[in-house]
Protein backbone atom coordinates (compact mmCIF):
# COMPACT_ATOMS: atom_id res chain seq x y z
CA MET A 1 -0.64 24.17 -43.19
CA ASP A 2 0.75 20.78 -42.12
CA ARG A 3 -2.11 18.25 -41.78
CA LYS A 4 -1.66 14.97 -40.00
CA PRO A 5 -2.91 11.85 -41.77
CA VAL A 6 -6.44 10.92 -40.86
CA SER A 7 -5.34 7.39 -40.03
CA ILE A 8 -2.99 8.70 -37.30
CA VAL A 9 -5.72 10.85 -35.79
CA MET A 10 -8.16 7.92 -35.88
CA ASN A 11 -5.60 5.56 -34.31
CA ARG A 12 -4.89 8.00 -31.50
CA THR A 13 -8.59 8.52 -30.89
CA CYS A 14 -9.25 4.76 -30.76
CA ALA A 15 -6.31 4.27 -28.45
CA GLY A 16 -7.64 6.95 -26.11
CA LEU A 17 -11.06 5.36 -26.09
CA LEU A 18 -9.56 1.93 -25.47
CA LEU A 19 -7.49 3.22 -22.49
CA ALA A 20 -10.59 4.82 -21.06
CA LEU A 21 -12.54 1.62 -21.45
CA ILE A 22 -9.81 -0.41 -19.79
CA GLY A 23 -9.74 2.12 -16.95
CA CYS A 24 -13.52 1.71 -16.45
CA LEU A 25 -13.22 -2.02 -16.43
CA ILE A 26 -10.46 -1.90 -13.82
CA ILE A 27 -12.53 0.36 -11.58
CA ALA A 28 -15.69 -1.72 -12.06
CA PHE A 29 -14.06 -5.13 -11.67
CA PRO A 30 -13.90 -5.21 -7.83
CA ALA A 31 -17.60 -4.31 -7.57
CA ALA A 32 -18.49 -6.90 -10.18
CA ALA A 33 -16.53 -9.53 -8.34
CA ALA A 34 -18.17 -8.63 -5.08
CA ASP A 35 -21.57 -8.72 -6.72
CA ASP A 36 -20.86 -12.18 -8.13
CA GLN A 37 -19.72 -13.47 -4.74
CA THR A 38 -22.87 -12.39 -2.97
CA GLY A 39 -25.07 -13.37 -5.90
CA ARG A 40 -23.82 -16.95 -5.71
CA PHE A 41 -25.54 -17.34 -2.31
CA LEU A 42 -28.82 -17.35 -4.19
CA PRO A 43 -29.64 -20.91 -5.35
CA ALA A 44 -29.84 -21.56 -9.08
CA PRO A 45 -31.95 -22.46 -10.92
CA ASP A 46 -34.34 -23.48 -8.09
CA CYS A 47 -34.57 -22.48 -4.44
CA ALA A 48 -37.06 -25.24 -3.78
CA LYS A 49 -38.67 -27.99 -5.90
CA GLY A 50 -40.93 -26.20 -8.40
CA TRP A 51 -39.71 -22.71 -7.53
CA THR A 52 -37.35 -21.46 -10.28
CA ALA A 53 -35.52 -18.16 -10.73
CA SER A 54 -37.51 -16.17 -13.27
CA GLU A 55 -34.84 -13.60 -14.09
CA LYS A 56 -31.21 -12.64 -13.49
CA THR A 57 -30.06 -11.65 -10.09
CA VAL A 58 -30.30 -7.87 -9.59
CA PHE A 59 -27.80 -5.96 -7.41
CA PHE A 60 -28.33 -2.74 -5.44
CA THR A 61 -25.80 -0.53 -3.66
CA ARG A 62 -26.17 2.46 -1.31
CA ASP A 63 -26.76 4.63 -4.35
CA ASN A 64 -29.91 2.86 -5.55
CA LEU A 65 -31.15 0.72 -2.69
CA PHE A 66 -34.26 2.97 -2.53
CA GLU A 67 -35.31 1.48 -5.88
CA ARG A 68 -35.79 -1.85 -4.09
CA ILE A 69 -37.07 -0.73 -0.63
CA ASN A 70 -38.20 2.87 -0.99
CA GLY A 71 -38.80 4.37 2.41
CA GLU A 72 -36.68 1.77 4.25
CA ALA A 73 -33.22 2.20 2.65
CA GLU A 74 -32.02 4.75 5.21
CA ILE A 75 -32.59 2.19 8.00
CA TYR A 76 -29.83 0.01 6.59
CA PHE A 77 -27.05 2.57 6.12
CA PRO A 78 -26.04 3.00 9.81
CA PHE A 79 -25.52 -0.79 9.94
CA GLY A 80 -22.84 -0.84 7.23
CA PHE A 81 -24.97 -1.91 4.30
CA ASP A 82 -23.05 -1.97 1.00
CA LEU A 83 -24.80 -4.53 -1.24
CA LEU A 84 -28.11 -6.27 -1.95
CA ALA A 85 -28.49 -9.35 -4.21
CA SER A 86 -32.07 -9.93 -5.17
CA ALA A 87 -33.82 -12.70 -7.13
CA ARG A 88 -37.39 -13.87 -7.73
CA TYR A 89 -38.39 -17.55 -7.71
CA GLN A 90 -41.72 -18.34 -9.50
CA SER A 91 -44.01 -21.22 -8.75
CA SER A 92 -44.23 -23.76 -11.59
CA VAL A 93 -47.83 -24.49 -10.54
CA ASN A 94 -48.92 -20.82 -10.56
CA PRO A 95 -46.41 -18.37 -12.14
CA GLN A 96 -48.36 -15.47 -10.63
CA ILE A 97 -47.06 -16.51 -7.24
CA ALA A 98 -43.37 -16.03 -6.34
CA ILE A 99 -40.88 -15.59 -3.61
CA ASP A 100 -38.65 -12.52 -3.62
CA ALA A 101 -35.26 -13.45 -2.14
CA ASP A 102 -33.06 -10.62 -0.87
CA ILE A 103 -29.59 -10.99 0.61
CA TYR A 104 -28.30 -7.82 2.28
CA ARG A 105 -24.56 -7.59 2.97
CA MET A 106 -24.10 -5.60 6.22
CA GLY A 107 -21.04 -4.28 8.01
CA SER A 108 -20.66 -7.14 10.50
CA LEU A 109 -22.41 -10.00 12.27
CA LEU A 110 -23.70 -7.59 14.89
CA ASP A 111 -24.94 -5.20 12.21
CA ALA A 112 -26.79 -8.05 10.48
CA PHE A 113 -28.42 -8.92 13.75
CA GLY A 114 -29.42 -5.29 14.19
CA ILE A 115 -31.36 -5.20 10.92
CA TYR A 116 -32.89 -8.62 11.55
CA ALA A 117 -34.00 -7.71 15.09
CA GLY A 118 -35.65 -4.60 13.72
CA TYR A 119 -38.02 -6.66 11.61
CA ARG A 120 -38.79 -9.69 13.81
CA ARG A 121 -41.65 -9.73 16.21
CA SER A 122 -41.73 -11.32 19.66
CA ASP A 123 -44.54 -13.70 18.65
CA ASP A 124 -42.94 -14.92 15.36
CA ALA A 125 -42.32 -18.59 15.08
CA GLY A 126 -38.65 -19.71 15.00
CA ALA A 127 -37.25 -20.93 11.68
CA GLY A 128 -34.12 -22.65 12.86
CA ILE A 129 -32.02 -21.22 9.98
CA GLY A 130 -28.77 -19.29 10.19
CA ALA A 131 -27.78 -17.66 13.50
CA ASP A 132 -31.44 -17.02 14.10
CA GLY A 133 -34.54 -16.87 11.99
CA VAL A 134 -38.31 -16.37 12.15
CA ILE A 135 -41.11 -17.39 9.85
CA SER A 136 -44.65 -16.21 9.19
CA PRO A 137 -47.18 -17.11 6.41
CA SER A 138 -45.87 -14.34 4.18
CA GLN A 139 -42.12 -14.18 4.91
CA LEU A 140 -38.99 -15.73 6.36
CA LEU A 141 -36.18 -13.75 7.93
CA PHE A 142 -32.74 -14.87 9.15
CA TYR A 143 -29.22 -13.58 9.53
CA GLN A 144 -25.95 -15.39 9.18
CA ASP A 145 -22.48 -13.89 9.47
CA ARG A 146 -22.73 -10.37 8.00
CA TYR A 147 -25.76 -11.17 5.85
CA PHE A 148 -29.43 -10.48 6.46
CA VAL A 149 -31.80 -12.59 4.34
CA ARG A 150 -35.41 -11.78 3.68
CA LEU A 151 -37.78 -14.05 1.74
CA GLN A 152 -41.13 -12.44 0.88
CA ALA A 153 -44.26 -13.86 -0.73
CA THR A 154 -45.47 -11.99 -3.77
CA GLY A 155 -48.75 -12.61 -5.65
CA ALA A 156 -50.19 -14.37 -2.62
CA LEU A 157 -50.86 -13.60 1.08
CA GLU A 158 -49.11 -16.72 2.21
CA ILE A 159 -46.90 -19.55 1.03
CA ASP A 160 -46.49 -22.98 2.49
CA LYS A 161 -43.86 -22.70 5.23
CA ASN A 162 -42.01 -25.77 3.94
CA ILE A 163 -41.29 -23.87 0.70
CA PHE A 164 -39.94 -20.91 2.67
CA LEU A 165 -37.79 -23.25 4.83
CA ALA A 166 -36.43 -25.07 1.78
CA CYS A 167 -35.38 -21.82 0.12
CA GLY A 168 -33.95 -20.35 3.32
CA SER A 169 -31.99 -23.50 4.07
CA ALA A 170 -30.50 -23.53 0.53
CA ILE A 171 -29.30 -19.91 0.92
CA SER A 172 -27.89 -20.62 4.36
CA ALA A 173 -26.00 -23.63 3.04
CA ASN A 174 -24.57 -21.48 0.23
CA ILE A 175 -23.38 -18.75 2.63
CA MET A 176 -21.38 -21.40 4.57
CA LEU A 177 -20.10 -18.81 6.99
CA ASN A 178 -20.31 -18.25 10.74
CA PRO A 179 -23.82 -19.48 11.92
CA GLY A 180 -23.29 -18.22 15.45
CA LYS A 181 -24.90 -15.26 17.22
CA PRO A 182 -22.97 -12.10 18.24
CA LYS A 183 -21.11 -12.70 21.50
CA GLU A 184 -22.68 -9.37 22.82
CA LEU A 185 -26.06 -11.16 23.09
CA GLU A 186 -24.69 -13.47 25.72
CA LEU A 187 -25.04 -10.59 28.24
CA PHE A 188 -28.83 -10.88 27.81
CA SER A 189 -29.02 -14.63 28.47
CA LEU A 190 -30.72 -14.05 31.82
CA PRO A 191 -34.01 -15.19 33.32
CA GLY A 192 -36.51 -12.35 32.92
CA ILE A 193 -35.37 -11.12 29.50
CA GLU A 194 -38.39 -11.20 27.12
CA LYS A 195 -37.99 -13.54 24.15
CA ASN A 196 -36.92 -11.85 20.86
CA SER A 197 -36.88 -8.38 22.50
CA GLU A 198 -33.15 -7.72 22.08
CA ARG A 199 -32.37 -4.96 19.59
CA TYR A 200 -29.03 -3.52 18.45
CA ILE A 201 -29.39 0.24 17.97
CA LYS A 202 -27.17 3.04 16.83
CA SER A 203 -27.74 6.12 19.04
CA LEU A 204 -29.26 4.08 21.87
CA LEU A 205 -32.33 5.72 23.48
CA GLY A 206 -32.03 8.27 20.71
CA TYR A 207 -29.02 9.99 22.26
CA SER A 208 -25.99 10.65 20.07
CA PHE A 209 -23.58 10.23 23.03
CA LEU A 210 -24.75 6.61 23.51
CA ARG A 211 -23.35 5.62 20.10
CA ARG A 212 -24.43 2.01 19.88
CA GLY A 213 -25.73 -0.75 22.08
CA ILE A 214 -28.27 -3.48 22.72
CA ILE A 215 -31.51 -2.95 24.59
CA ALA A 216 -34.07 -5.56 25.68
CA ASP A 217 -37.31 -5.84 27.59
CA ALA A 218 -37.10 -7.33 31.08
CA LYS A 219 -39.60 -8.50 33.65
CA SER A 220 -39.41 -9.09 37.33
CA SER A 221 -41.86 -9.53 40.19
CA THR A 222 -42.07 -5.76 40.47
CA GLY A 223 -43.00 -5.08 36.86
CA GLN A 224 -41.57 -4.58 33.34
CA PHE A 225 -38.66 -2.32 32.34
CA GLN A 226 -35.76 -2.25 29.86
CA VAL A 227 -32.08 -3.02 30.27
CA PHE A 228 -29.30 -2.07 27.90
CA VAL A 229 -25.54 -2.20 27.24
CA VAL A 230 -23.65 0.51 25.45
CA PHE A 231 -20.47 -0.62 23.65
CA GLU A 232 -17.49 1.78 23.37
CA ASP A 233 -14.05 1.37 21.86
CA SER A 234 -12.14 2.33 25.04
CA GLU A 235 -12.59 2.95 28.77
CA ALA A 236 -12.06 6.64 28.16
CA ALA A 237 -14.78 6.79 25.56
CA ALA A 238 -17.14 4.94 27.90
CA ARG A 239 -16.40 7.35 30.73
CA LYS A 240 -17.03 10.30 28.33
CA ALA A 241 -20.44 8.88 27.32
CA PHE A 242 -21.28 8.33 31.03
CA ASP A 243 -20.41 11.95 31.86
CA GLN A 244 -22.39 13.25 28.89
CA TYR A 245 -25.47 11.37 30.00
CA VAL A 246 -25.14 12.70 33.58
CA SER A 247 -24.74 16.22 32.26
CA TYR A 248 -27.78 15.85 30.05
CA LEU A 249 -29.94 14.58 32.91
CA ARG A 250 -28.74 17.29 35.29
CA ALA A 251 -29.70 19.94 32.70
CA SER A 252 -33.19 18.41 32.63
CA GLY A 253 -33.70 18.25 36.41
CA PRO A 254 -32.06 17.93 39.85
CA ASP A 255 -33.01 14.31 40.42
CA VAL A 256 -29.57 12.84 39.52
CA GLY A 257 -27.10 11.23 41.89
CA THR A 258 -23.72 9.60 41.24
CA ASP A 259 -21.63 7.22 43.30
CA ALA A 260 -18.13 5.92 43.00
CA SER A 261 -17.91 3.59 45.99
CA GLY A 262 -16.31 0.17 45.72
CA GLY A 263 -14.53 1.06 42.51
CA ILE A 264 -17.88 1.13 40.60
CA ILE A 265 -19.15 4.34 39.13
CA SER A 266 -22.85 4.55 38.93
CA MET A 267 -25.72 7.03 38.38
CA ALA A 268 -29.37 7.06 39.28
CA GLY A 269 -31.88 9.64 38.23
CA THR A 270 -34.89 10.42 36.05
CA ASP A 271 -34.79 10.63 32.25
CA PRO A 272 -37.37 13.07 30.80
CA LEU A 273 -38.24 10.48 28.14
CA TYR A 274 -37.74 7.12 29.83
CA GLY A 275 -38.53 7.69 33.50
CA LYS A 276 -36.25 6.28 36.17
CA VAL A 277 -32.78 5.38 34.96
CA LEU A 278 -29.81 3.50 36.52
CA LEU A 279 -26.44 3.48 34.84
CA ARG A 280 -23.13 1.81 35.71
CA LEU A 281 -19.73 2.15 34.12
CA ALA A 282 -17.77 -1.07 33.72
CA GLY A 283 -14.64 -0.95 31.49
CA ARG A 284 -15.60 -0.10 27.96
CA ASN A 285 -19.32 -0.67 28.59
CA LEU A 286 -22.22 1.15 30.13
CA PHE A 287 -24.88 -1.03 31.74
CA GLY A 288 -28.23 0.58 32.34
CA ALA A 289 -31.95 0.20 33.01
CA VAL A 290 -34.89 2.53 32.29
CA ARG A 291 -38.63 2.60 32.93
CA PHE A 292 -38.40 0.63 36.16
CA SER A 293 -40.54 1.11 39.24
CA ASP A 294 -38.25 -0.74 41.67
CA LEU A 295 -34.60 0.33 41.90
CA SER A 296 -33.41 -2.88 43.57
CA SER A 297 -34.84 -5.06 40.72
CA ALA A 298 -33.12 -2.97 38.08
CA ARG A 299 -29.88 -3.06 40.02
CA GLN A 300 -29.99 -6.86 40.30
CA PHE A 301 -30.39 -7.16 36.55
CA ILE A 302 -27.50 -4.85 35.85
CA GLU A 303 -25.20 -6.62 38.33
CA ALA A 304 -26.03 -9.99 36.78
CA MET A 305 -25.16 -8.62 33.31
CA ILE A 306 -21.87 -7.24 34.64
CA ARG A 307 -21.04 -10.62 36.27
CA GLY A 308 -21.84 -12.32 32.96
CA LYS A 309 -19.50 -10.05 31.14
CA ALA A 310 -16.69 -10.74 33.64
CA ALA A 311 -17.31 -14.51 33.44
CA ALA A 312 -17.17 -14.41 29.63
CA LYS A 313 -13.60 -12.95 29.65
């Protein structure tokens, strides 16, 4: 039997392993490059005087985000999350106390706002960092461009706010990208909108046919209610969502009326979950209000939002 030299077999085996290794490196390189880019936003070696990174930056993707925030990871996925860079900065005075700094890379500026708005509270103090930020004794939150940043105290119930602000400002300066807010929020720059109540939600009101939009708390002389805007990609898609909502409400009860006078399509009725509802179709958007007691107040808010949209064009 003809037997090939061992050296040839070994050489071919090594060559195969080398090619496989090169292939793995080629596949892994873009992820590594992306990791390095986001990781550079974390200050090194200090985020503030006396607060030094205690270990290497750790990265998390959609596959293992639960290891960092178990129970919360699923909240991030609809907003385009693809990478988290995380570092810990220890106090030189007391190494048992540290700040965990997390930078989440989201799908867009609006997505980053969506995650940020889900965590902030209406009574949180402003931090003046990034597009918007809030601070409490135990954490600082802000968003900037497509990034959501969360600084959290560990080993202590609170940390001096100047330390948080120094760390947050250093990260913001490293990001060096768009510090502005989403243009969609301009529609809610109206008297009567409750401070820090705007939220960007996928499946607005919990309905799949209202794919994405912003909702906020509003207040008038007649009471409190909520106003919202649904964003669609085309006028046809917006009309489809409008019709689906009307069909849903009509299946729930007879108290639904539509009107198409003056070139404006609108609907008024009762939502089984949210009480009275008013909806207007305007281009690629749906403007609405729920939980109101006075129809005229809700209509005034919606008309002001539609005028604001027209003025912004």
